[in-house]
N, C-alpha and C. Protein backbone atom coordinates (compact mmCIF):
# COMPACT_ATOMS: atom_id res chain seq x y z
N MET A 1 155.58 117.14 -43.79
CA MET A 1 156.61 116.44 -43.04
C MET A 1 157.72 117.43 -42.69
N SER A 2 158.08 117.49 -41.42
CA SER A 2 159.10 118.45 -40.99
C SER A 2 160.50 117.96 -41.35
N ILE A 3 161.45 118.86 -41.23
CA ILE A 3 162.85 118.52 -41.53
C ILE A 3 163.34 117.43 -40.60
N SER A 4 163.00 117.53 -39.32
CA SER A 4 163.45 116.51 -38.36
C SER A 4 162.84 115.15 -38.67
N ASP A 5 161.59 115.13 -39.17
CA ASP A 5 160.97 113.86 -39.56
C ASP A 5 161.70 113.24 -40.75
N LYS A 6 162.08 114.09 -41.71
CA LYS A 6 162.80 113.60 -42.88
C LYS A 6 164.15 113.04 -42.49
N ILE A 7 164.85 113.72 -41.58
CA ILE A 7 166.15 113.23 -41.12
C ILE A 7 165.97 111.94 -40.34
N GLU A 8 164.92 111.87 -39.54
CA GLU A 8 164.64 110.65 -38.78
C GLU A 8 164.38 109.47 -39.72
N ASP A 9 163.60 109.71 -40.78
CA ASP A 9 163.35 108.66 -41.77
C ASP A 9 164.64 108.24 -42.47
N LEU A 10 165.45 109.22 -42.83
CA LEU A 10 166.74 108.94 -43.45
C LEU A 10 167.61 108.10 -42.52
N PHE A 11 167.56 108.43 -41.24
CA PHE A 11 168.31 107.69 -40.22
C PHE A 11 167.83 106.24 -40.15
N LYS A 12 166.52 106.06 -40.01
CA LYS A 12 165.95 104.71 -39.89
C LYS A 12 166.26 103.85 -41.11
N ASP A 13 166.20 104.47 -42.29
CA ASP A 13 166.38 103.72 -43.53
C ASP A 13 167.84 103.40 -43.84
N ASN A 14 168.78 104.19 -43.31
CA ASN A 14 170.17 104.06 -43.76
C ASN A 14 171.20 103.82 -42.67
N TYR A 15 170.82 103.86 -41.41
CA TYR A 15 171.78 103.76 -40.32
C TYR A 15 172.65 102.50 -40.41
N ASP A 16 172.02 101.34 -40.51
CA ASP A 16 172.78 100.08 -40.53
C ASP A 16 173.74 100.02 -41.71
N ALA A 17 173.26 100.40 -42.88
CA ALA A 17 174.12 100.35 -44.08
C ALA A 17 175.27 101.34 -43.96
N LEU A 18 175.01 102.52 -43.41
CA LEU A 18 176.09 103.50 -43.23
C LEU A 18 177.13 103.00 -42.23
N CYS A 19 176.68 102.31 -41.20
CA CYS A 19 177.63 101.74 -40.23
C CYS A 19 178.52 100.68 -40.90
N MET A 20 177.91 99.85 -41.74
CA MET A 20 178.70 98.84 -42.45
C MET A 20 179.70 99.52 -43.39
N PHE A 21 179.26 100.55 -44.07
CA PHE A 21 180.12 101.31 -44.98
C PHE A 21 181.30 101.91 -44.21
N SER A 22 181.02 102.55 -43.10
CA SER A 22 182.07 103.18 -42.30
C SER A 22 183.02 102.13 -41.71
N MET A 23 182.47 101.00 -41.32
CA MET A 23 183.29 99.96 -40.69
C MET A 23 184.41 99.47 -41.59
N HIS A 24 184.20 99.50 -42.90
CA HIS A 24 185.26 99.09 -43.82
C HIS A 24 186.45 100.03 -43.74
N TYR A 25 186.21 101.25 -43.33
CA TYR A 25 187.29 102.24 -43.18
C TYR A 25 187.91 102.20 -41.79
N VAL A 26 187.06 102.18 -40.76
CA VAL A 26 187.55 102.37 -39.40
C VAL A 26 187.85 101.08 -38.66
N GLY A 27 187.33 99.97 -39.13
CA GLY A 27 187.73 98.67 -38.58
C GLY A 27 186.90 98.12 -37.45
N ASP A 28 186.08 98.93 -36.77
CA ASP A 28 185.24 98.36 -35.73
C ASP A 28 183.89 99.07 -35.70
N ILE A 29 182.90 98.34 -35.23
CA ILE A 29 181.53 98.82 -35.31
C ILE A 29 181.27 100.01 -34.39
N TYR A 30 181.92 100.05 -33.23
CA TYR A 30 181.67 101.14 -32.28
C TYR A 30 182.15 102.48 -32.84
N THR A 31 183.32 102.47 -33.44
CA THR A 31 183.83 103.69 -34.07
C THR A 31 182.95 104.06 -35.25
N ALA A 32 182.53 103.07 -36.03
CA ALA A 32 181.66 103.32 -37.18
C ALA A 32 180.35 103.95 -36.74
N GLU A 33 179.77 103.46 -35.65
CA GLU A 33 178.53 104.03 -35.15
C GLU A 33 178.72 105.49 -34.75
N ASP A 34 179.85 105.79 -34.11
CA ASP A 34 180.15 107.19 -33.74
C ASP A 34 180.26 108.07 -34.98
N VAL A 35 180.95 107.56 -35.99
CA VAL A 35 181.12 108.31 -37.24
C VAL A 35 179.76 108.60 -37.87
N VAL A 36 178.91 107.60 -37.91
CA VAL A 36 177.59 107.76 -38.54
C VAL A 36 176.75 108.77 -37.74
N MET A 37 176.77 108.67 -36.43
CA MET A 37 176.02 109.63 -35.61
C MET A 37 176.52 111.05 -35.85
N ASP A 38 177.84 111.22 -35.86
CA ASP A 38 178.42 112.55 -36.12
C ASP A 38 178.02 113.05 -37.51
N SER A 39 177.97 112.15 -38.47
CA SER A 39 177.61 112.53 -39.84
C SER A 39 176.16 112.99 -39.91
N PHE A 40 175.26 112.31 -39.20
CA PHE A 40 173.87 112.75 -39.17
C PHE A 40 173.74 114.12 -38.51
N LEU A 41 174.53 114.35 -37.47
CA LEU A 41 174.51 115.66 -36.83
C LEU A 41 174.97 116.75 -37.79
N LYS A 42 176.04 116.46 -38.52
CA LYS A 42 176.53 117.44 -39.50
C LYS A 42 175.49 117.73 -40.57
N LEU A 43 174.85 116.68 -41.06
CA LEU A 43 173.81 116.86 -42.07
C LEU A 43 172.67 117.71 -41.52
N SER A 44 172.21 117.38 -40.32
CA SER A 44 171.08 118.14 -39.77
C SER A 44 171.46 119.60 -39.51
N GLU A 45 172.70 119.86 -39.10
CA GLU A 45 173.14 121.24 -38.90
C GLU A 45 173.17 122.00 -40.22
N LYS A 46 173.63 121.37 -41.27
CA LYS A 46 173.66 122.02 -42.59
C LYS A 46 172.25 122.35 -43.06
N ILE A 47 171.34 121.42 -42.84
CA ILE A 47 169.95 121.66 -43.24
C ILE A 47 169.34 122.79 -42.40
N LYS A 48 169.60 122.78 -41.08
CA LYS A 48 169.08 123.83 -40.20
C LYS A 48 169.66 125.19 -40.55
N ASP A 49 170.90 125.21 -41.06
CA ASP A 49 171.54 126.47 -41.46
C ASP A 49 171.00 126.97 -42.80
N GLY A 50 170.07 126.22 -43.38
CA GLY A 50 169.43 126.67 -44.61
C GLY A 50 170.03 126.14 -45.89
N GLU A 51 171.04 125.28 -45.79
CA GLU A 51 171.63 124.70 -47.00
C GLU A 51 170.63 123.72 -47.60
N GLU A 52 170.40 123.84 -48.89
CA GLU A 52 169.49 122.92 -49.55
C GLU A 52 170.30 121.77 -50.14
N ILE A 53 169.99 120.60 -49.68
CA ILE A 53 170.70 119.40 -50.13
C ILE A 53 169.68 118.51 -50.83
N ILE A 54 169.89 118.31 -52.11
CA ILE A 54 168.90 117.58 -52.91
C ILE A 54 169.01 116.06 -52.66
N ALA A 55 170.18 115.50 -52.88
CA ALA A 55 170.38 114.06 -52.73
C ALA A 55 170.97 113.80 -51.34
N LYS A 56 170.09 113.79 -50.34
CA LYS A 56 170.54 113.69 -48.95
C LYS A 56 171.25 112.37 -48.66
N LYS A 57 170.76 111.29 -49.21
CA LYS A 57 171.38 109.98 -48.97
C LYS A 57 172.80 109.96 -49.55
N HIS A 58 172.94 110.41 -50.77
CA HIS A 58 174.26 110.46 -51.41
C HIS A 58 175.19 111.39 -50.62
N TYR A 59 174.68 112.52 -50.23
CA TYR A 59 175.47 113.49 -49.46
C TYR A 59 175.89 112.88 -48.12
N LEU A 60 174.99 112.12 -47.50
CA LEU A 60 175.29 111.48 -46.23
C LEU A 60 176.41 110.45 -46.39
N TYR A 61 176.38 109.69 -47.47
CA TYR A 61 177.46 108.73 -47.71
C TYR A 61 178.80 109.46 -47.89
N GLN A 62 178.76 110.61 -48.53
CA GLN A 62 179.99 111.40 -48.70
C GLN A 62 180.53 111.85 -47.34
N ILE A 63 179.62 112.33 -46.47
CA ILE A 63 180.05 112.76 -45.14
C ILE A 63 180.64 111.58 -44.37
N VAL A 64 179.94 110.46 -44.38
CA VAL A 64 180.42 109.27 -43.65
C VAL A 64 181.78 108.84 -44.19
N ARG A 65 181.92 108.85 -45.50
CA ARG A 65 183.20 108.47 -46.12
C ARG A 65 184.32 109.39 -45.64
N ASN A 66 184.09 110.68 -45.71
CA ASN A 66 185.13 111.64 -45.32
C ASN A 66 185.45 111.54 -43.83
N GLU A 67 184.42 111.43 -43.01
CA GLU A 67 184.64 111.29 -41.56
C GLU A 67 185.38 110.00 -41.25
N SER A 68 185.02 108.92 -41.92
CA SER A 68 185.66 107.63 -41.69
C SER A 68 187.14 107.67 -42.08
N ILE A 69 187.43 108.32 -43.19
CA ILE A 69 188.82 108.47 -43.62
C ILE A 69 189.60 109.27 -42.60
N ASP A 70 189.00 110.36 -42.11
CA ASP A 70 189.67 111.19 -41.10
C ASP A 70 189.97 110.38 -39.84
N VAL A 71 188.98 109.62 -39.37
CA VAL A 71 189.17 108.80 -38.17
C VAL A 71 190.23 107.74 -38.41
N ALA A 72 190.18 107.10 -39.57
CA ALA A 72 191.16 106.05 -39.89
C ALA A 72 192.58 106.62 -39.94
N HIS A 73 192.74 107.79 -40.53
CA HIS A 73 194.06 108.41 -40.58
C HIS A 73 194.52 108.82 -39.19
N TYR A 74 193.60 109.37 -38.42
CA TYR A 74 193.93 109.82 -37.06
C TYR A 74 194.37 108.64 -36.20
N LYS A 75 193.67 107.52 -36.33
CA LYS A 75 193.99 106.33 -35.54
C LYS A 75 195.00 105.43 -36.23
N SER A 76 195.48 105.85 -37.41
CA SER A 76 196.44 105.07 -38.20
C SER A 76 195.92 103.66 -38.47
N ILE A 77 194.67 103.59 -38.88
CA ILE A 77 194.03 102.31 -39.18
C ILE A 77 194.24 101.98 -40.64
N LYS A 78 194.65 100.73 -40.92
CA LYS A 78 194.72 100.29 -42.30
C LYS A 78 193.31 99.87 -42.70
N THR A 79 192.77 100.52 -43.70
CA THR A 79 191.38 100.27 -44.08
C THR A 79 191.27 99.14 -45.08
N GLU A 80 190.06 98.57 -45.14
CA GLU A 80 189.79 97.51 -46.11
C GLU A 80 189.60 98.09 -47.51
N ILE A 81 189.27 99.37 -47.58
CA ILE A 81 188.94 100.00 -48.85
C ILE A 81 190.08 100.91 -49.27
N ASP A 82 190.54 100.75 -50.48
CA ASP A 82 191.52 101.67 -51.04
C ASP A 82 190.78 102.95 -51.38
N ASP A 83 191.10 104.03 -50.66
CA ASP A 83 190.38 105.28 -50.82
C ASP A 83 190.42 105.79 -52.25
N SER A 84 191.49 105.56 -52.94
CA SER A 84 191.58 106.06 -54.31
C SER A 84 190.60 105.32 -55.22
N ALA A 85 190.10 104.17 -54.76
CA ALA A 85 189.17 103.39 -55.57
C ALA A 85 187.75 103.91 -55.48
N ILE A 86 187.47 104.77 -54.49
CA ILE A 86 186.12 105.27 -54.32
C ILE A 86 186.06 106.73 -54.72
N HIS A 87 185.31 106.98 -55.74
CA HIS A 87 185.08 108.34 -56.18
C HIS A 87 183.63 108.68 -55.90
N SER A 88 183.31 109.90 -56.06
CA SER A 88 181.95 110.37 -55.79
C SER A 88 180.91 109.53 -56.52
N GLU A 89 181.18 109.20 -57.77
CA GLU A 89 180.19 108.44 -58.54
C GLU A 89 180.09 106.98 -58.09
N ASP A 90 181.09 106.50 -57.34
CA ASP A 90 181.07 105.13 -56.86
C ASP A 90 180.29 104.98 -55.55
N ILE A 91 179.94 106.10 -54.93
CA ILE A 91 179.25 106.06 -53.65
C ILE A 91 177.95 105.26 -53.77
N ASP A 92 177.24 105.40 -54.87
CA ASP A 92 175.98 104.65 -55.04
C ASP A 92 176.23 103.15 -55.02
N ASP A 93 177.31 102.71 -55.67
CA ASP A 93 177.65 101.28 -55.65
C ASP A 93 177.99 100.82 -54.24
N TRP A 94 178.77 101.64 -53.53
CA TRP A 94 179.15 101.28 -52.17
C TRP A 94 177.95 101.32 -51.23
N SER A 95 177.03 102.25 -51.45
CA SER A 95 175.85 102.31 -50.59
C SER A 95 174.99 101.07 -50.81
N GLU A 96 174.88 100.64 -52.06
CA GLU A 96 174.11 99.43 -52.37
C GLU A 96 174.76 98.21 -51.71
N LEU A 97 176.08 98.11 -51.81
CA LEU A 97 176.80 97.01 -51.17
C LEU A 97 176.61 97.05 -49.66
N SER A 98 176.71 98.22 -49.07
CA SER A 98 176.54 98.37 -47.62
C SER A 98 175.13 98.00 -47.19
N GLU A 99 174.14 98.38 -47.99
CA GLU A 99 172.76 98.02 -47.68
C GLU A 99 172.56 96.51 -47.70
N ARG A 100 173.12 95.85 -48.71
CA ARG A 100 173.02 94.38 -48.77
C ARG A 100 173.71 93.75 -47.57
N GLU A 101 174.88 94.26 -47.25
CA GLU A 101 175.65 93.72 -46.12
C GLU A 101 174.89 93.90 -44.81
N ALA A 102 174.29 95.06 -44.62
CA ALA A 102 173.51 95.32 -43.40
C ALA A 102 172.31 94.38 -43.33
N LYS A 103 171.65 94.15 -44.45
CA LYS A 103 170.49 93.25 -44.47
C LYS A 103 170.93 91.81 -44.20
N LEU A 104 172.09 91.44 -44.72
CA LEU A 104 172.61 90.10 -44.45
C LEU A 104 172.87 89.92 -42.95
N TRP A 105 173.47 90.92 -42.33
CA TRP A 105 173.74 90.82 -40.88
C TRP A 105 172.43 90.77 -40.10
N LYS A 106 171.42 91.49 -40.54
CA LYS A 106 170.11 91.41 -39.88
C LYS A 106 169.55 90.00 -40.02
N ALA A 107 169.72 89.41 -41.21
CA ALA A 107 169.25 88.05 -41.42
C ALA A 107 170.01 87.07 -40.52
N ILE A 108 171.30 87.26 -40.39
CA ILE A 108 172.10 86.40 -39.51
C ILE A 108 171.66 86.58 -38.07
N ASP A 109 171.42 87.83 -37.67
CA ASP A 109 170.97 88.10 -36.31
C ASP A 109 169.60 87.51 -36.02
N SER A 110 168.80 87.28 -37.06
CA SER A 110 167.46 86.73 -36.85
C SER A 110 167.48 85.20 -36.68
N LEU A 111 168.62 84.58 -36.94
CA LEU A 111 168.72 83.13 -36.75
C LEU A 111 168.62 82.80 -35.27
N PRO A 112 168.14 81.59 -34.94
CA PRO A 112 168.15 81.17 -33.54
C PRO A 112 169.59 81.23 -32.99
N GLN A 113 169.72 81.48 -31.70
CA GLN A 113 171.02 81.77 -31.09
C GLN A 113 172.09 80.73 -31.39
N VAL A 114 171.80 79.46 -31.17
CA VAL A 114 172.82 78.42 -31.38
C VAL A 114 173.19 78.32 -32.85
N ARG A 115 172.19 78.41 -33.73
CA ARG A 115 172.45 78.34 -35.17
C ARG A 115 173.34 79.50 -35.61
N ARG A 116 173.03 80.69 -35.12
CA ARG A 116 173.83 81.88 -35.44
C ARG A 116 175.27 81.71 -34.92
N GLU A 117 175.37 81.22 -33.71
CA GLU A 117 176.69 81.02 -33.10
C GLU A 117 177.51 80.01 -33.90
N VAL A 118 176.89 78.92 -34.30
CA VAL A 118 177.58 77.89 -35.10
C VAL A 118 178.04 78.48 -36.43
N LEU A 119 177.15 79.23 -37.09
CA LEU A 119 177.49 79.84 -38.38
C LEU A 119 178.67 80.80 -38.23
N LEU A 120 178.63 81.66 -37.22
CA LEU A 120 179.71 82.64 -37.02
C LEU A 120 181.03 81.96 -36.65
N MET A 121 180.94 80.92 -35.84
CA MET A 121 182.16 80.20 -35.48
C MET A 121 182.78 79.56 -36.72
N SER A 122 181.93 79.08 -37.60
CA SER A 122 182.40 78.43 -38.81
C SER A 122 182.96 79.44 -39.81
N LYS A 123 182.18 80.46 -40.14
CA LYS A 123 182.56 81.38 -41.21
C LYS A 123 183.43 82.54 -40.74
N ARG A 124 183.05 83.17 -39.66
CA ARG A 124 183.81 84.33 -39.19
C ARG A 124 185.12 83.90 -38.52
N ASP A 125 185.02 82.86 -37.67
CA ASP A 125 186.18 82.45 -36.89
C ASP A 125 187.01 81.35 -37.57
N GLY A 126 186.47 80.75 -38.63
CA GLY A 126 187.21 79.74 -39.38
C GLY A 126 187.38 78.42 -38.66
N MET A 127 186.51 78.14 -37.71
CA MET A 127 186.62 76.89 -36.95
C MET A 127 186.07 75.72 -37.75
N LYS A 128 186.65 74.57 -37.52
CA LYS A 128 186.17 73.33 -38.15
C LYS A 128 184.97 72.82 -37.35
N ASN A 129 184.16 72.00 -38.00
CA ASN A 129 182.96 71.47 -37.35
C ASN A 129 183.27 70.74 -36.06
N VAL A 130 184.36 69.98 -36.05
CA VAL A 130 184.76 69.25 -34.85
C VAL A 130 185.07 70.22 -33.71
N GLU A 131 185.76 71.31 -34.02
CA GLU A 131 186.10 72.32 -33.01
C GLU A 131 184.85 73.00 -32.47
N ILE A 132 183.92 73.29 -33.35
CA ILE A 132 182.67 73.92 -32.93
C ILE A 132 181.90 72.98 -32.02
N ALA A 133 181.81 71.71 -32.43
CA ALA A 133 181.10 70.71 -31.62
C ALA A 133 181.70 70.61 -30.23
N SER A 134 183.01 70.56 -30.18
CA SER A 134 183.70 70.47 -28.89
C SER A 134 183.47 71.72 -28.04
N SER A 135 183.55 72.86 -28.67
CA SER A 135 183.38 74.13 -27.96
C SER A 135 181.97 74.30 -27.39
N LEU A 136 180.97 73.86 -28.16
CA LEU A 136 179.57 74.02 -27.74
C LEU A 136 179.01 72.78 -27.05
N ASN A 137 179.83 71.74 -26.96
CA ASN A 137 179.44 70.49 -26.32
C ASN A 137 178.19 69.88 -27.00
N ILE A 138 178.27 69.84 -28.36
CA ILE A 138 177.23 69.21 -29.16
C ILE A 138 177.91 68.27 -30.15
N SER A 139 177.14 67.46 -30.82
CA SER A 139 177.73 66.52 -31.77
C SER A 139 178.09 67.23 -33.09
N VAL A 140 179.01 66.62 -33.83
CA VAL A 140 179.39 67.15 -35.13
C VAL A 140 178.18 67.14 -36.06
N ARG A 141 177.36 66.13 -35.96
CA ARG A 141 176.15 66.04 -36.79
C ARG A 141 175.21 67.21 -36.50
N THR A 142 175.10 67.61 -35.23
CA THR A 142 174.26 68.74 -34.86
C THR A 142 174.82 70.03 -35.44
N VAL A 143 176.14 70.17 -35.43
CA VAL A 143 176.79 71.34 -36.03
C VAL A 143 176.45 71.39 -37.52
N GLU A 144 176.59 70.25 -38.20
CA GLU A 144 176.28 70.19 -39.63
C GLU A 144 174.82 70.55 -39.89
N SER A 145 173.94 70.08 -39.03
CA SER A 145 172.52 70.38 -39.18
C SER A 145 172.25 71.88 -39.00
N HIS A 146 172.88 72.48 -38.01
CA HIS A 146 172.72 73.92 -37.79
C HIS A 146 173.25 74.72 -38.98
N LEU A 147 174.37 74.32 -39.51
CA LEU A 147 174.93 75.03 -40.67
C LEU A 147 174.01 74.90 -41.88
N TYR A 148 173.51 73.70 -42.12
CA TYR A 148 172.61 73.47 -43.24
C TYR A 148 171.37 74.36 -43.12
N LYS A 149 170.78 74.38 -41.93
CA LYS A 149 169.56 75.17 -41.71
C LYS A 149 169.86 76.67 -41.80
N ALA A 150 171.02 77.08 -41.32
CA ALA A 150 171.39 78.50 -41.41
C ALA A 150 171.57 78.92 -42.86
N TYR A 151 172.26 78.10 -43.65
CA TYR A 151 172.45 78.41 -45.07
C TYR A 151 171.11 78.47 -45.80
N ARG A 152 170.25 77.51 -45.49
CA ARG A 152 168.94 77.47 -46.14
C ARG A 152 168.14 78.73 -45.80
N ALA A 153 168.17 79.15 -44.55
CA ALA A 153 167.44 80.36 -44.14
C ALA A 153 168.03 81.60 -44.80
N LEU A 154 169.35 81.67 -44.87
CA LEU A 154 170.00 82.84 -45.46
C LEU A 154 169.80 82.89 -46.97
N ARG A 155 169.77 81.72 -47.62
CA ARG A 155 169.50 81.71 -49.06
C ARG A 155 168.12 82.26 -49.34
N GLY A 156 167.15 81.89 -48.52
CA GLY A 156 165.79 82.42 -48.68
C GLY A 156 165.76 83.92 -48.47
N LYS A 157 166.50 84.41 -47.49
CA LYS A 157 166.56 85.85 -47.21
C LYS A 157 167.34 86.58 -48.29
N ALA A 158 168.34 85.93 -48.89
CA ALA A 158 169.16 86.58 -49.91
C ALA A 158 168.29 87.02 -51.08
N HIS A 159 167.35 86.18 -51.47
CA HIS A 159 166.45 86.55 -52.57
C HIS A 159 165.66 87.80 -52.18
N GLU A 160 165.14 87.83 -50.95
CA GLU A 160 164.39 89.00 -50.47
C GLU A 160 165.27 90.24 -50.46
N ILE A 161 166.52 90.09 -50.04
CA ILE A 161 167.45 91.22 -49.96
C ILE A 161 167.67 91.82 -51.35
N TYR A 162 167.95 90.98 -52.33
CA TYR A 162 168.19 91.48 -53.68
C TYR A 162 166.93 92.09 -54.28
N VAL A 163 165.78 91.51 -54.03
CA VAL A 163 164.53 92.05 -54.55
C VAL A 163 164.27 93.44 -53.93
N MET A 164 164.47 93.58 -52.61
CA MET A 164 164.24 94.86 -51.95
C MET A 164 165.16 95.95 -52.50
N ILE A 165 166.40 95.60 -52.78
CA ILE A 165 167.38 96.60 -53.22
C ILE A 165 167.13 97.00 -54.66
N PHE A 166 166.83 96.04 -55.53
CA PHE A 166 166.73 96.36 -56.94
C PHE A 166 165.34 96.83 -57.35
N PHE A 167 164.33 96.57 -56.56
CA PHE A 167 162.99 97.02 -56.93
C PHE A 167 162.49 97.88 -55.83
């Protein structure tokens, strides 16, 4: 397996989780995606320059963390994460959390469109069922049904998410 194949595999396996990790620092997904792409470029350049990096995933999280902090400071963004709370040894915990979060968002994205929209309006936007029903021109009972089915689907996926991460 070539170096570029290994980096490509690392990218495929960790891109979403790294974006979620970076987003806690930079505040929006587009900036987080840029940070992650830049971090992969830095990693690949270091490897091409002959630097041997044993724990590439851990090293990548370090790069993303540092780049995210730099971007947040440059843009004067108040981050969700207290930087002093994350040390090198905590990166594994944060990577695990980011992986779960990325898998949860994938599960949410896999919901049917209206169900996903109802769930996001309820949880992300804090709207009441009556407001959602009015906004989508559906009954309150239909909103409740969509929420119930979304929760049931996500609960089933949550078990899969934890099993994949821990085993």
